[in-house]
Amino acid sequence: KIKDRYIKKGGVVFSSNFAFYGDMSRRVMNILD
């Protein structure tokens, strides 16, 4: 529904990459811990 308008305005889109997000989360939480 928003693809054409969003891309036209210079927006960037990504498919979900949960392995990457999970690993980055672990790094943040390890620092906090």
Full PDB file with SEQRES, HELIX, SHEET, SSBOND, CRYST1, ORIGX, SCALE, CONECT and MASTER records, all heavy atoms in Angstrom:
SEQRES   1 A   33  LYS ILE LYS ASP ARG TYR ILE LYS LYS GLY GLY VAL VAL          
SEQRES   2 A   33  PHE SER SER ASN PHE ALA PHE TYR GLY ASP MET SER ARG          
SEQRES   3 A   33  ARG VAL MET ASN ILE LEU ASP                                  
HELIX    1 AA1 LYS A    3  LYS A    8  1                                   6    
HELIX    2 AA2 PHE A   18  LEU A   32  1                                  15    
CRYST1    1.000    1.000    1.000  90.00  90.00  90.00 P 1           1          
ORIGX1      1.000000  0.000000  0.000000        0.00000                         
ORIGX2      0.000000  1.000000  0.000000        0.00000                         
ORIGX3      0.000000  0.000000  1.000000        0.00000                         
SCALE1      1.000000  0.000000  0.000000        0.00000                         
SCALE2      0.000000  1.000000  0.000000        0.00000                         
SCALE3      0.000000  0.000000  1.000000        0.00000                         
ATOM      1  N   LYS A   1       0.810  -1.222   0.000  1.00  0.00           N  
ATOM      2  CA  LYS A   1       0.000   0.000   0.000  1.00  0.00           C  
ATOM      3  C   LYS A   1       0.840   1.268   0.000  1.00  0.00           C  
ATOM      4  O   LYS A   1       0.408   2.305  -0.492  1.00  0.00           O  
ATOM      5  CB  LYS A   1      -0.931   0.019   1.220  1.00  0.00           C  
ATOM      6  CG  LYS A   1      -2.126  -0.915   1.106  1.00  0.00           C  
ATOM      7  CD  LYS A   1      -3.103  -0.684   2.248  1.00  0.00           C  
ATOM      8  CE  LYS A   1      -4.353  -1.537   2.073  1.00  0.00           C  
ATOM      9  NZ  LYS A   1      -5.330  -1.283   3.167  1.00  0.00           N  
ATOM     10  N   ILE A   2       2.042   1.202   0.565  1.00  0.00           N  
ATOM     11  CA  ILE A   2       2.867   2.413   0.676  1.00  0.00           C  
ATOM     12  C   ILE A   2       4.142   2.359  -0.165  1.00  0.00           C  
ATOM     13  O   ILE A   2       4.862   3.344  -0.263  1.00  0.00           O  
ATOM     14  CB  ILE A   2       3.259   2.676   2.142  1.00  0.00           C  
ATOM     15  CG1 ILE A   2       4.163   1.542   2.674  1.00  0.00           C  
ATOM     16  CG2 ILE A   2       2.034   2.842   3.029  1.00  0.00           C  
ATOM     17  CD1 ILE A   2       4.887   1.891   3.950  1.00  0.00           C  
ATOM     18  N   LYS A   3       4.410   1.216  -0.767  1.00  0.00           N  
ATOM     19  CA  LYS A   3       5.678   0.961  -1.456  1.00  0.00           C  
ATOM     20  C   LYS A   3       6.078   2.076  -2.423  1.00  0.00           C  
ATOM     21  O   LYS A   3       7.153   2.676  -2.285  1.00  0.00           O  
ATOM     22  CB  LYS A   3       5.603  -0.373  -2.188  1.00  0.00           C  
ATOM     23  CG  LYS A   3       6.861  -0.729  -2.963  1.00  0.00           C  
ATOM     24  CD  LYS A   3       6.702  -2.082  -3.657  1.00  0.00           C  
ATOM     25  CE  LYS A   3       7.916  -2.415  -4.484  1.00  0.00           C  
ATOM     26  NZ  LYS A   3       7.761  -3.719  -5.189  1.00  0.00           N  
ATOM     27  N   ASP A   4       5.249   2.357  -3.403  1.00  0.00           N  
ATOM     28  CA  ASP A   4       5.615   3.316  -4.456  1.00  0.00           C  
ATOM     29  C   ASP A   4       5.856   4.712  -3.896  1.00  0.00           C  
ATOM     30  O   ASP A   4       6.866   5.363  -4.213  1.00  0.00           O  
ATOM     31  CB  ASP A   4       4.523   3.354  -5.532  1.00  0.00           C  
ATOM     32  CG  ASP A   4       4.425   2.042  -6.294  1.00  0.00           C  
ATOM     33  OD1 ASP A   4       5.426   1.285  -6.285  1.00  0.00           O  
ATOM     34  OD2 ASP A   4       3.366   1.756  -6.877  1.00  0.00           O  
ATOM     35  N   ARG A   5       4.947   5.168  -3.058  1.00  0.00           N  
ATOM     36  CA  ARG A   5       5.066   6.520  -2.495  1.00  0.00           C  
ATOM     37  C   ARG A   5       6.282   6.626  -1.578  1.00  0.00           C  
ATOM     38  O   ARG A   5       7.006   7.634  -1.603  1.00  0.00           O  
ATOM     39  CB  ARG A   5       3.778   6.845  -1.726  1.00  0.00           C  
ATOM     40  CG  ARG A   5       3.750   8.211  -1.051  1.00  0.00           C  
ATOM     41  CD  ARG A   5       2.331   8.554  -0.589  1.00  0.00           C  
ATOM     42  NE  ARG A   5       1.727   7.446   0.142  1.00  0.00           N  
ATOM     43  CZ  ARG A   5       1.835   7.291   1.469  1.00  0.00           C  
ATOM     44  NH1 ARG A   5       2.533   8.162   2.173  1.00  0.00           N  
ATOM     45  NH2 ARG A   5       1.243   6.286   2.070  1.00  0.00           N  
ATOM     46  N   TYR A   6       6.515   5.578  -0.792  1.00  0.00           N  
ATOM     47  CA  TYR A   6       7.627   5.583   0.171  1.00  0.00           C  
ATOM     48  C   TYR A   6       8.978   5.595  -0.546  1.00  0.00           C  
ATOM     49  O   TYR A   6       9.873   6.380  -0.206  1.00  0.00           O  
ATOM     50  CB  TYR A   6       7.503   4.361   1.082  1.00  0.00           C  
ATOM     51  CG  TYR A   6       8.622   4.201   2.077  1.00  0.00           C  
ATOM     52  CD1 TYR A   6       8.690   5.000   3.217  1.00  0.00           C  
ATOM     53  CD2 TYR A   6       9.621   3.240   1.883  1.00  0.00           C  
ATOM     54  CE1 TYR A   6       9.718   4.849   4.133  1.00  0.00           C  
ATOM     55  CE2 TYR A   6      10.650   3.084   2.801  1.00  0.00           C  
ATOM     56  CZ  TYR A   6      10.694   3.892   3.920  1.00  0.00           C  
ATOM     57  OH  TYR A   6      11.713   3.747   4.819  1.00  0.00           O  
ATOM     58  N   ILE A   7       9.151   4.729  -1.545  1.00  0.00           N  
ATOM     59  CA  ILE A   7      10.405   4.660  -2.301  1.00  0.00           C  
ATOM     60  C   ILE A   7      10.648   5.967  -3.057  1.00  0.00           C  
ATOM     61  O   ILE A   7      11.780   6.469  -3.144  1.00  0.00           O  
ATOM     62  CB  ILE A   7      10.399   3.466  -3.291  1.00  0.00           C  
ATOM     63  CG1 ILE A   7      10.310   2.128  -2.532  1.00  0.00           C  
ATOM     64  CG2 ILE A   7      11.624   3.489  -4.178  1.00  0.00           C  
ATOM     65  CD1 ILE A   7      11.497   1.813  -1.651  1.00  0.00           C  
ATOM     66  N   LYS A   8       9.586   6.532  -3.583  1.00  0.00           N  
ATOM     67  CA  LYS A   8       9.689   7.786  -4.344  1.00  0.00           C  
ATOM     68  C   LYS A   8      10.229   8.920  -3.477  1.00  0.00           C  
ATOM     69  O   LYS A   8      10.935   9.814  -3.954  1.00  0.00           O  
ATOM     70  CB  LYS A   8       8.309   8.160  -4.901  1.00  0.00           C  
ATOM     71  CG  LYS A   8       8.351   9.194  -6.003  1.00  0.00           C  
ATOM     72  CD  LYS A   8       6.969   9.382  -6.607  1.00  0.00           C  
ATOM     73  CE  LYS A   8       7.010  10.388  -7.746  1.00  0.00           C  
ATOM     74  NZ  LYS A   8       5.664  10.576  -8.363  1.00  0.00           N  
ATOM     75  N   LYS A   9       9.908   8.870  -2.186  1.00  0.00           N  
ATOM     76  CA  LYS A   9      10.358   9.921  -1.264  1.00  0.00           C  
ATOM     77  C   LYS A   9      11.726   9.625  -0.657  1.00  0.00           C  
ATOM     78  O   LYS A   9      12.163  10.312   0.272  1.00  0.00           O  
ATOM     79  CB  LYS A   9       9.322  10.104  -0.147  1.00  0.00           C  
ATOM     80  CG  LYS A   9       8.030  10.759  -0.620  1.00  0.00           C  
ATOM     81  CD  LYS A   9       7.106  11.027   0.557  1.00  0.00           C  
ATOM     82  CE  LYS A   9       5.842  11.749   0.116  1.00  0.00           C  
ATOM     83  NZ  LYS A   9       4.938  12.021   1.264  1.00  0.00           N  
ATOM     84  N   GLY A  10      12.398   8.586  -1.172  1.00  0.00           N  
ATOM     85  CA  GLY A  10      13.760   8.287  -0.716  1.00  0.00           C  
ATOM     86  C   GLY A  10      13.855   7.350   0.464  1.00  0.00           C  
ATOM     87  O   GLY A  10      14.923   7.225   1.083  1.00  0.00           O  
ATOM     88  N   GLY A  11      12.753   6.660   0.780  1.00  0.00           N  
ATOM     89  CA  GLY A  11      12.759   5.728   1.893  1.00  0.00           C  
ATOM     90  C   GLY A  11      13.526   4.454   1.585  1.00  0.00           C  
ATOM     91  O   GLY A  11      13.636   4.039   0.431  1.00  0.00           O  
ATOM     92  N   VAL A  12      14.084   3.828   2.624  1.00  0.00           N  
ATOM     93  CA  VAL A  12      14.832   2.574   2.496  1.00  0.00           C  
ATOM     94  C   VAL A  12      14.051   1.480   3.212  1.00  0.00           C  
ATOM     95  O   VAL A  12      13.480   1.700   4.282  1.00  0.00           O  
ATOM     96  CB  VAL A  12      16.241   2.701   3.126  1.00  0.00           C  
ATOM     97  CG1 VAL A  12      17.028   1.406   2.959  1.00  0.00           C  
ATOM     98  CG2 VAL A  12      16.995   3.872   2.504  1.00  0.00           C  
ATOM     99  N   VAL A  13      14.030   0.287   2.614  1.00  0.00           N  
ATOM    100  CA  VAL A  13      13.268  -0.826   3.194  1.00  0.00           C  
ATOM    101  C   VAL A  13      14.148  -2.056   3.351  1.00  0.00           C  
ATOM    102  O   VAL A  13      15.029  -2.319   2.532  1.00  0.00           O  
ATOM    103  CB  VAL A  13      12.027  -1.148   2.317  1.00  0.00           C  
ATOM    104  CG1 VAL A  13      12.440  -1.517   0.896  1.00  0.00           C  
ATOM    105  CG2 VAL A  13      11.198  -2.265   2.932  1.00  0.00           C  
ATOM    106  N   PHE A  14      13.910  -2.806   4.451  1.00  0.00           N  
ATOM    107  CA  PHE A  14      14.632  -4.051   4.704  1.00  0.00           C  
ATOM    108  C   PHE A  14      13.651  -5.150   5.091  1.00  0.00           C  
ATOM    109  O   PHE A  14      12.658  -4.900   5.784  1.00  0.00           O  
ATOM    110  CB  PHE A  14      15.639  -3.889   5.848  1.00  0.00           C  
ATOM    111  CG  PHE A  14      16.826  -3.043   5.512  1.00  0.00           C  
ATOM    112  CD1 PHE A  14      16.865  -1.710   5.880  1.00  0.00           C  
ATOM    113  CD2 PHE A  14      17.915  -3.584   4.838  1.00  0.00           C  
ATOM    114  CE1 PHE A  14      17.962  -0.917   5.580  1.00  0.00           C  
ATOM    115  CE2 PHE A  14      19.020  -2.803   4.532  1.00  0.00           C  
ATOM    116  CZ  PHE A  14      19.050  -1.466   4.901  1.00  0.00           C  
ATOM    117  N   SER A  15      13.935  -6.362   4.628  1.00  0.00           N  
ATOM    118  CA  SER A  15      13.244  -7.530   5.165  1.00  0.00           C  
ATOM    119  C   SER A  15      13.786  -7.768   6.577  1.00  0.00           C  
ATOM    120  O   SER A  15      14.912  -7.386   6.888  1.00  0.00           O  
ATOM    121  CB  SER A  15      13.516  -8.769   4.300  1.00  0.00           C  
ATOM    122  OG  SER A  15      13.107  -8.553   2.970  1.00  0.00           O  
ATOM    123  N   SER A  16      12.989  -8.388   7.429  1.00  0.00           N  
ATOM    124  CA  SER A  16      13.424  -8.621   8.804  1.00  0.00           C  
ATOM    125  C   SER A  16      14.624  -9.572   8.843  1.00  0.00           C  
ATOM    126  O   SER A  16      14.677 -10.551   8.114  1.00  0.00           O  
ATOM    127  CB  SER A  16      12.275  -9.188   9.635  1.00  0.00           C  
ATOM    128  OG  SER A  16      11.705 -10.315   8.991  1.00  0.00           O  
ATOM    129  N   ASN A  17      15.584  -9.244   9.712  1.00  0.00           N  
ATOM    130  CA  ASN A  17      16.814 -10.022   9.868  1.00  0.00           C  
ATOM    131  C   ASN A  17      16.987 -10.312  11.363  1.00  0.00           C  
ATOM    132  O   ASN A  17      17.844  -9.745  12.039  1.00  0.00           O  
ATOM    133  CB  ASN A  17      17.998  -9.221   9.328  1.00  0.00           C  
ATOM    134  CG  ASN A  17      19.273 -10.039   9.239  1.00  0.00           C  
ATOM    135  OD1 ASN A  17      19.375 -11.116   9.813  1.00  0.00           O  
ATOM    136  ND2 ASN A  17      20.264  -9.519   8.530  1.00  0.00           N  
ATOM    137  N   PHE A  18      16.144 -11.219  11.886  1.00  0.00           N  
ATOM    138  CA  PHE A  18      16.063 -11.412  13.329  1.00  0.00           C  
ATOM    139  C   PHE A  18      17.340 -11.991  13.942  1.00  0.00           C  
ATOM    140  O   PHE A  18      17.634 -11.730  15.108  1.00  0.00           O  
ATOM    141  CB  PHE A  18      14.857 -12.280  13.672  1.00  0.00           C  
ATOM    142  CG  PHE A  18      13.541 -11.619  13.365  1.00  0.00           C  
ATOM    143  CD1 PHE A  18      12.657 -12.178  12.457  1.00  0.00           C  
ATOM    144  CD2 PHE A  18      13.206 -10.422  13.963  1.00  0.00           C  
ATOM    145  CE1 PHE A  18      11.453 -11.557  12.163  1.00  0.00           C  
ATOM    146  CE2 PHE A  18      12.004  -9.790  13.680  1.00  0.00           C  
ATOM    147  CZ  PHE A  18      11.121 -10.358  12.780  1.00  0.00           C  
ATOM    148  N   ALA A  19      18.100 -12.762  13.177  1.00  0.00           N  
ATOM    149  CA  ALA A  19      19.372 -13.287  13.702  1.00  0.00           C  
ATOM    150  C   ALA A  19      20.324 -12.128  13.999  1.00  0.00           C  
ATOM    151  O   ALA A  19      20.995 -12.108  15.045  1.00  0.00           O  
ATOM    152  CB  ALA A  19      19.998 -14.242  12.695  1.00  0.00           C  
ATOM    153  N   PHE A  20      20.369 -11.165  13.109  1.00  0.00           N  
ATOM    154  CA  PHE A  20      21.212  -9.977  13.279  1.00  0.00           C  
ATOM    155  C   PHE A  20      20.722  -9.131  14.451  1.00  0.00           C  
ATOM    156  O   PHE A  20      21.502  -8.730  15.324  1.00  0.00           O  
ATOM    157  CB  PHE A  20      21.213  -9.180  11.973  1.00  0.00           C  
ATOM    158  CG  PHE A  20      21.950  -7.868  12.022  1.00  0.00           C  
ATOM    159  CD1 PHE A  20      23.178  -7.753  12.665  1.00  0.00           C  
ATOM    160  CD2 PHE A  20      21.428  -6.737  11.400  1.00  0.00           C  
ATOM    161  CE1 PHE A  20      23.857  -6.550  12.698  1.00  0.00           C  
ATOM    162  CE2 PHE A  20      22.099  -5.532  11.423  1.00  0.00           C  
ATOM    163  CZ  PHE A  20      23.319  -5.429  12.075  1.00  0.00           C  
ATOM    164  N   TYR A  21      19.411  -8.878  14.506  1.00  0.00           N  
ATOM    165  CA  TYR A  21      18.857  -8.054  15.582  1.00  0.00           C  
ATOM    166  C   TYR A  21      19.073  -8.722  16.945  1.00  0.00           C  
ATOM    167  O   TYR A  21      19.390  -8.057  17.930  1.00  0.00           O  
ATOM    168  CB  TYR A  21      17.355  -7.803  15.372  1.00  0.00           C  
ATOM    169  CG  TYR A  21      16.989  -7.252  14.012  1.00  0.00           C  
ATOM    170  CD1 TYR A  21      15.771  -7.574  13.410  1.00  0.00           C  
ATOM    171  CD2 TYR A  21      17.855  -6.415  13.309  1.00  0.00           C  
ATOM    172  CE1 TYR A  21      15.422  -7.085  12.165  1.00  0.00           C  
ATOM    173  CE2 TYR A  21      17.526  -5.925  12.058  1.00  0.00           C  
ATOM    174  CZ  TYR A  21      16.303  -6.270  11.479  1.00  0.00           C  
ATOM    175  OH  TYR A  21      15.965  -5.795  10.244  1.00  0.00           O  
ATOM    176  N   GLY A  22      18.885 -10.043  16.979  1.00  0.00           N  
ATOM    177  CA  GLY A  22      19.075 -10.776  18.227  1.00  0.00           C  
ATOM    178  C   GLY A  22      20.506 -10.694  18.728  1.00  0.00           C  
ATOM    179  O   GLY A  22      20.755 -10.529  19.930  1.00  0.00           O  
ATOM    180  N   ASP A  23      21.462 -10.789  17.801  1.00  0.00           N  
ATOM    181  CA  ASP A  23      22.864 -10.714  18.188  1.00  0.00           C  
ATOM    182  C   ASP A  23      23.231  -9.313  18.675  1.00  0.00           C  
ATOM    183  O   ASP A  23      23.959  -9.163  19.663  1.00  0.00           O  
ATOM    184  CB  ASP A  23      23.760 -11.104  17.009  1.00  0.00           C  
ATOM    185  CG  ASP A  23      25.221 -11.208  17.414  1.00  0.00           C  
ATOM    186  OD1 ASP A  23      25.552 -12.140  18.171  1.00  0.00           O  
ATOM    187  OD2 ASP A  23      26.018 -10.346  17.005  1.00  0.00           O  
ATOM    188  N   MET A  24      22.726  -8.276  18.012  1.00  0.00           N  
ATOM    189  CA  MET A  24      22.983  -6.900  18.449  1.00  0.00           C  
ATOM    190  C   MET A  24      22.363  -6.649  19.821  1.00  0.00           C  
ATOM    191  O   MET A  24      22.944  -5.958  20.669  1.00  0.00           O  
ATOM    192  CB  MET A  24      22.432  -5.902  17.422  1.00  0.00           C  
ATOM    193  CG  MET A  24      23.166  -5.899  16.090  1.00  0.00           C  
ATOM    194  SD  MET A  24      24.931  -5.490  16.230  1.00  0.00           S  
ATOM    195  CE  MET A  24      24.858  -3.764  16.707  1.00  0.00           C  
ATOM    196  N   SER A  25      21.192  -7.231  20.051  1.00  0.00           N  
ATOM    197  CA  SER A  25      20.540  -7.106  21.361  1.00  0.00           C  
ATOM    198  C   SER A  25      21.405  -7.730  22.452  1.00  0.00           C  
ATOM    199  O   SER A  25      21.591  -7.149  23.529  1.00  0.00           O  
ATOM    200  CB  SER A  25      19.168  -7.789  21.330  1.00  0.00           C  
ATOM    201  OG  SER A  25      18.589  -7.819  22.617  1.00  0.00           O  
ATOM    202  N   ARG A  26      21.938  -8.920  22.181  1.00  0.00           N  
ATOM    203  CA  ARG A  26      22.799  -9.591  23.164  1.00  0.00           C  
ATOM    204  C   ARG A  26      24.018  -8.726  23.501  1.00  0.00           C  
ATOM    205  O   ARG A  26      24.453  -8.672  24.655  1.00  0.00           O  
ATOM    206  CB  ARG A  26      23.259 -10.953  22.636  1.00  0.00           C  
ATOM    207  CG  ARG A  26      22.213 -12.048  22.786  1.00  0.00           C  
ATOM    208  CD  ARG A  26      22.806 -13.417  22.477  1.00  0.00           C  
ATOM    209  NE  ARG A  26      23.140 -13.574  21.069  1.00  0.00           N  
ATOM    210  CZ  ARG A  26      22.292 -13.971  20.135  1.00  0.00           C  
ATOM    211  NH1 ARG A  26      21.031 -14.226  20.452  1.00  0.00           N  
ATOM    212  NH2 ARG A  26      22.680 -14.100  18.886  1.00  0.00           N  
ATOM    213  N   ARG A  27      24.570  -8.058  22.511  1.00  0.00           N  
ATOM    214  CA  ARG A  27      25.738  -7.207  22.742  1.00  0.00           C  
ATOM    215  C   ARG A  27      25.389  -6.036  23.664  1.00  0.00           C  
ATOM    216  O   ARG A  27      26.142  -5.701  24.585  1.00  0.00           O  
ATOM    217  CB  ARG A  27      26.291  -6.691  21.407  1.00  0.00           C  
ATOM    218  CG  ARG A  27      26.944  -7.777  20.570  1.00  0.00           C  
ATOM    219  CD  ARG A  27      27.136  -7.367  19.120  1.00  0.00           C  
ATOM    220  NE  ARG A  27      27.560  -8.496  18.318  1.00  0.00           N  
ATOM    221  CZ  ARG A  27      28.816  -8.753  17.955  1.00  0.00           C  
ATOM    222  NH1 ARG A  27      29.791  -7.945  18.323  1.00  0.00           N  
ATOM    223  NH2 ARG A  27      29.106  -9.815  17.232  1.00  0.00           N  
ATOM    224  N   VAL A  28      24.245  -5.421  23.412  1.00  0.00           N  
ATOM    225  CA  VAL A  28      23.799  -4.310  24.268  1.00  0.00           C  
ATOM    226  C   VAL A  28      23.556  -4.802  25.691  1.00  0.00           C  
ATOM    227  O   VAL A  28      24.010  -4.188  26.671  1.00  0.00           O  
ATOM    228  CB  VAL A  28      22.519  -3.665  23.699  1.00  0.00           C  
ATOM    229  CG1 VAL A  28      21.940  -2.650  24.694  1.00  0.00           C  
ATOM    230  CG2 VAL A  28      22.799  -2.974  22.367  1.00  0.00           C  
ATOM    231  N   MET A  29      22.829  -5.928  25.826  1.00  0.00           N  
ATOM    232  CA  MET A  29      22.495  -6.455  27.154  1.00  0.00           C  
ATOM    233  C   MET A  29      23.741  -6.896  27.922  1.00  0.00           C  
ATOM    234  O   MET A  29      23.805  -6.758  29.150  1.00  0.00           O  
ATOM    235  CB  MET A  29      21.497  -7.607  27.033  1.00  0.00           C  
ATOM    236  CG  MET A  29      20.177  -7.231  26.369  1.00  0.00           C  
ATOM    237  SD  MET A  29      19.375  -5.779  27.121  1.00  0.00           S  
ATOM    238  CE  MET A  29      18.154  -5.353  25.864  1.00  0.00           C  
ATOM    239  N   ASN A  30      24.750  -7.413  27.230  1.00  0.00           N  
ATOM    240  CA  ASN A  30      25.998  -7.813  27.888  1.00  0.00           C  
ATOM    241  C   ASN A  30      26.721  -6.608  28.485  1.00  0.00           C  
ATOM    242  O   ASN A  30      27.309  -6.685  29.568  1.00  0.00           O  
ATOM    243  CB  ASN A  30      26.920  -8.541  26.910  1.00  0.00           C  
ATOM    244  CG  ASN A  30      26.461  -9.959  26.615  1.00  0.00           C  
ATOM    245  OD1 ASN A  30      25.682 -10.532  27.371  1.00  0.00           O  
ATOM    246  ND2 ASN A  30      26.921 -10.522  25.510  1.00  0.00           N  
ATOM    247  N   ILE A  31      26.674  -5.480  27.770  1.00  0.00           N  
ATOM    248  CA  ILE A  31      27.283  -4.245  28.290  1.00  0.00           C  
ATOM    249  C   ILE A  31      26.554  -3.796  29.550  1.00  0.00           C  
ATOM    250  O   ILE A  31      27.176  -3.465  30.569  1.00  0.00           O  
ATOM    251  CB  ILE A  31      27.243  -3.125  27.222  1.00  0.00           C  
ATOM    252  CG1 ILE A  31      28.147  -3.481  26.046  1.00  0.00           C  
ATOM    253  CG2 ILE A  31      27.671  -1.784  27.829  1.00  0.00           C  
ATOM    254  CD1 ILE A  31      27.975  -2.569  24.842  1.00  0.00           C  
ATOM    255  N   LEU A  32      25.225  -3.801  29.492  1.00  0.00           N  
ATOM    256  CA  LEU A  32      24.419  -3.394  30.650  1.00  0.00           C  
ATOM    257  C   LEU A  32      24.702  -4.294  31.846  1.00  0.00           C  
ATOM    258  O   LEU A  32      24.847  -3.824  32.980  1.00  0.00           O  
ATOM    259  CB  LEU A  32      22.925  -3.436  30.309  1.00  0.00           C  
ATOM    260  CG  LEU A  32      22.445  -2.506  29.190  1.00  0.00           C  
ATOM    261  CD1 LEU A  32      20.954  -2.683  28.955  1.00  0.00           C  
ATOM    262  CD2 LEU A  32      22.760  -1.054  29.519  1.00  0.00           C  
ATOM    263  N   ASP A  33      24.782  -5.593  31.577  1.00  0.00           N  
ATOM    264  CA  ASP A  33      25.007  -6.567  32.645  1.00  0.00           C  
ATOM    265  C   ASP A  33      26.375  -6.373  33.297  1.00  0.00           C  
ATOM    266  O   ASP A  33      26.541  -6.585  34.499  1.00  0.00           O  
ATOM    267  CB  ASP A  33      24.898  -7.979  32.059  1.00  0.00           C  
ATOM    268  CG  ASP A  33      24.575  -9.016  33.118  1.00  0.00           C  
ATOM    269  OD1 ASP A  33      23.754  -8.723  34.005  1.00  0.00           O  
ATOM    270  OD2 ASP A  33      25.139 -10.114  33.058  1.00  0.00           O  
TER     271      ASP A  33                                                      
MASTER        0    0    0    2    0    0    0    6  270    1    0    3          
END                                                                             
